[in-house]
Amino acid sequence: MQQYTFSEYVDMLLTLGECHGSARAAAQRYGEKFPNRNVPNYKTFLCTERRLRERGTLKRNNFERGRRRIIRNVLNEENILNLVEANATLSTRRLSVQNNMSHMTVWRIMREQQLYPYHYRQAQDILPQDKPMRRQFCQLVLDRQAEDPMFLSNIIFTNEATFTRS
């Protein structure tokens, strides 16, 4: 939709008055008076006049423009946030299916609260079949420690999150 300046709206109203309220004649006259401007449709003249009469302003009402929020309301937002708080490992897609909304809506709700989906992945599993190998490794370390008392001081122990030489 075309946006006009307040000055252009005033010129439209003056032209409409000059043409004794005939919007079609005003649109034609406006084009003659202001050849370098975009000529508004005659309906724009009518809407501008009606807006000024009803609301006393030339400013357009943008309050109820666009699609209404049907899915994204306070109740649904609180429900999503409660589910995330209870189980942070749920994906946005699973949350969206559970709450009958798009996963992007779930994303937006979480981002507004500075939350991000957390995908839990177990990096290391200790399985029953690993027990003999673990026992063998422990025996190897004990044997080496018996041979060289400084053996363990030559090993750098780390976890996946940090690496330090202490």
Protein backbone atom coordinates (compact mmCIF):
# COMPACT_ATOMS: atom_id res chain seq x y z
CA MET A 1 0.00 0.00 0.00
CA GLN A 2 1.28 3.45 -0.95
CA GLN A 3 2.46 5.68 1.88
CA TYR A 4 2.00 9.42 1.55
CA THR A 5 3.49 12.27 3.53
CA PHE A 6 1.27 14.51 5.64
CA SER A 7 1.90 17.29 3.15
CA GLU A 8 0.60 15.10 0.32
CA TYR A 9 -2.49 14.19 2.34
CA VAL A 10 -3.19 17.89 2.94
CA ASP A 11 -2.81 18.58 -0.78
CA MET A 12 -5.28 15.76 -1.49
CA LEU A 13 -7.83 17.25 0.90
CA LEU A 14 -7.40 20.75 -0.53
CA THR A 15 -7.84 19.36 -4.05
CA LEU A 16 -10.91 17.41 -2.91
CA GLY A 17 -12.39 20.64 -1.51
CA GLU A 18 -11.51 22.49 -4.70
CA CYS A 19 -13.49 19.84 -6.64
CA HIS A 20 -16.50 20.17 -4.23
CA GLY A 21 -16.08 16.66 -2.80
CA SER A 22 -15.87 14.77 -6.09
CA ALA A 23 -13.13 12.19 -5.51
CA ARG A 24 -12.76 11.21 -9.17
CA ALA A 25 -12.42 14.84 -10.26
CA ALA A 26 -10.00 15.45 -7.36
CA ALA A 27 -7.77 12.55 -8.47
CA GLN A 28 -7.65 13.96 -11.99
CA ARG A 29 -7.02 17.55 -10.76
CA TYR A 30 -4.32 16.33 -8.34
CA GLY A 31 -2.46 14.74 -11.26
CA GLU A 32 -2.61 18.05 -13.15
CA LYS A 33 -1.47 20.13 -10.16
CA PHE A 34 1.35 17.76 -9.13
CA PRO A 35 2.65 16.03 -12.27
CA ASN A 36 5.85 14.79 -10.56
CA ARG A 37 4.01 12.92 -7.80
CA ASN A 38 2.29 9.56 -7.82
CA VAL A 39 -1.38 10.19 -8.44
CA PRO A 40 -3.49 8.45 -5.80
CA ASN A 41 -6.62 6.52 -6.64
CA TYR A 42 -9.91 8.33 -6.03
CA LYS A 43 -10.57 5.92 -3.13
CA THR A 44 -7.50 7.31 -1.37
CA PHE A 45 -9.14 10.74 -1.39
CA LEU A 46 -12.32 9.29 0.12
CA CYS A 47 -10.46 7.30 2.77
CA THR A 48 -8.31 10.29 3.72
CA GLU A 49 -11.37 12.49 4.17
CA ARG A 50 -13.22 9.81 6.16
CA ARG A 51 -10.17 9.19 8.38
CA LEU A 52 -9.90 12.91 9.18
CA ARG A 53 -13.63 13.19 9.91
CA GLU A 54 -13.85 10.05 12.06
CA ARG A 55 -10.57 10.13 13.95
CA GLY A 56 -9.39 13.70 13.55
CA THR A 57 -6.00 12.68 12.20
CA LEU A 58 -4.34 11.99 8.89
CA LYS A 59 -2.24 9.27 10.48
CA ARG A 60 -3.21 5.78 9.35
CA ASN A 61 -4.33 3.22 11.90
CA ASN A 62 -1.87 0.32 11.82
CA PHE A 63 -3.10 -1.25 15.04
CA GLU A 64 -5.06 -4.17 13.62
CA ARG A 65 -3.18 -4.81 10.42
CA GLY A 66 -1.96 -8.26 9.44
CA ARG A 67 -2.96 -11.67 10.62
CA ARG A 68 -4.32 -12.08 14.15
CA ARG A 69 -2.39 -14.16 16.63
CA ILE A 70 -4.53 -17.21 17.11
CA ILE A 71 -1.89 -19.79 18.00
CA ARG A 72 0.61 -17.56 19.72
CA ASN A 73 -1.10 -16.36 22.85
CA VAL A 74 -0.04 -16.08 26.48
CA LEU A 75 -1.43 -19.50 27.42
CA ASN A 76 0.43 -21.31 24.63
CA GLU A 77 3.65 -19.39 25.31
CA GLU A 78 3.53 -20.31 29.00
CA ASN A 79 2.83 -23.92 28.08
CA ILE A 80 5.92 -24.05 25.83
CA LEU A 81 8.12 -22.43 28.47
CA ASN A 82 6.85 -24.83 31.17
CA LEU A 83 7.56 -27.84 28.95
CA VAL A 84 11.08 -26.58 28.20
CA GLU A 85 11.70 -25.98 31.89
CA ALA A 86 10.49 -29.48 32.76
CA ASN A 87 12.45 -31.21 30.00
CA ALA A 88 15.15 -29.18 28.29
CA THR A 89 15.97 -32.02 25.90
CA LEU A 90 12.75 -31.65 23.87
CA SER A 91 13.26 -30.46 20.31
CA THR A 92 11.35 -27.55 18.80
CA ARG A 93 9.67 -29.94 16.38
CA ARG A 94 8.46 -32.23 19.15
CA LEU A 95 7.19 -29.23 21.12
CA SER A 96 5.40 -27.95 18.03
CA VAL A 97 3.65 -31.28 17.46
CA GLN A 98 2.62 -31.51 21.12
CA ASN A 99 1.19 -27.98 21.07
CA ASN A 100 -0.25 -27.98 17.54
CA MET A 101 1.81 -25.04 16.25
CA SER A 102 4.67 -24.56 13.81
CA HIS A 103 8.21 -25.23 14.99
CA MET A 104 9.14 -21.66 13.98
CA THR A 105 6.55 -20.32 16.43
CA VAL A 106 8.17 -22.44 19.14
CA TRP A 107 11.57 -21.07 18.07
CA ARG A 108 10.33 -17.47 18.33
CA ILE A 109 8.85 -18.04 21.78
CA MET A 110 12.10 -19.58 23.00
CA ARG A 111 14.31 -16.90 21.45
CA GLU A 112 12.27 -14.11 23.04
CA GLN A 113 13.05 -15.70 26.40
CA GLN A 114 16.70 -16.17 25.37
CA LEU A 115 16.32 -19.94 25.38
CA TYR A 116 17.72 -22.26 22.76
CA PRO A 117 16.78 -25.86 22.08
CA TYR A 118 19.18 -28.32 23.62
CA HIS A 119 19.71 -31.63 21.91
CA TYR A 120 20.98 -34.14 24.42
CA ARG A 121 23.57 -36.50 23.03
CA GLN A 122 25.30 -39.03 25.15
CA ALA A 123 28.85 -38.90 23.88
CA GLN A 124 30.17 -41.91 25.74
CA ASP A 125 28.39 -45.04 26.78
CA ILE A 126 29.83 -47.60 29.12
CA LEU A 127 28.43 -50.88 27.93
CA PRO A 128 28.66 -54.28 29.64
CA GLN A 129 30.92 -55.63 26.87
CA ASP A 130 33.43 -52.83 27.65
CA LYS A 131 34.18 -54.19 31.12
CA PRO A 132 36.98 -56.64 30.08
CA MET A 133 38.77 -53.94 28.06
CA ARG A 134 38.49 -51.45 30.93
CA ARG A 135 39.87 -54.02 33.35
CA GLN A 136 42.73 -54.76 30.94
CA PHE A 137 43.53 -51.02 30.66
CA CYS A 138 43.53 -50.60 34.44
CA GLN A 139 45.86 -53.58 34.82
CA LEU A 140 48.18 -52.08 32.18
CA VAL A 141 48.29 -48.75 34.06
CA LEU A 142 49.00 -50.52 37.36
CA ASP A 143 51.81 -52.57 35.77
CA ARG A 144 53.39 -49.47 34.21
CA GLN A 145 53.05 -47.57 37.50
CA ALA A 146 54.87 -50.42 39.26
CA GLU A 147 57.72 -50.22 36.72
CA ASP A 148 57.91 -46.41 36.67
CA PRO A 149 56.52 -44.48 39.68
CA MET A 150 56.36 -41.28 37.54
CA PHE A 151 54.23 -42.94 34.83
CA LEU A 152 50.94 -41.23 35.80
CA SER A 153 52.56 -37.79 35.94
CA ASN A 154 53.33 -38.13 32.21
CA ILE A 155 49.66 -38.56 31.29
CA ILE A 156 47.50 -35.52 30.54
CA PHE A 157 43.99 -36.08 31.86
CA THR A 158 41.25 -34.09 30.11
CA ASN A 159 37.56 -34.14 29.47
CA GLU A 160 35.79 -33.13 26.27
CA ALA A 161 35.02 -29.62 27.50
CA THR A 162 38.47 -28.42 28.57
CA PHE A 163 42.10 -29.10 27.88
CA THR A 164 44.71 -27.89 30.37
CA ARG A 165 48.32 -28.71 31.12
CA SER A 166 48.32 -28.71 34.90
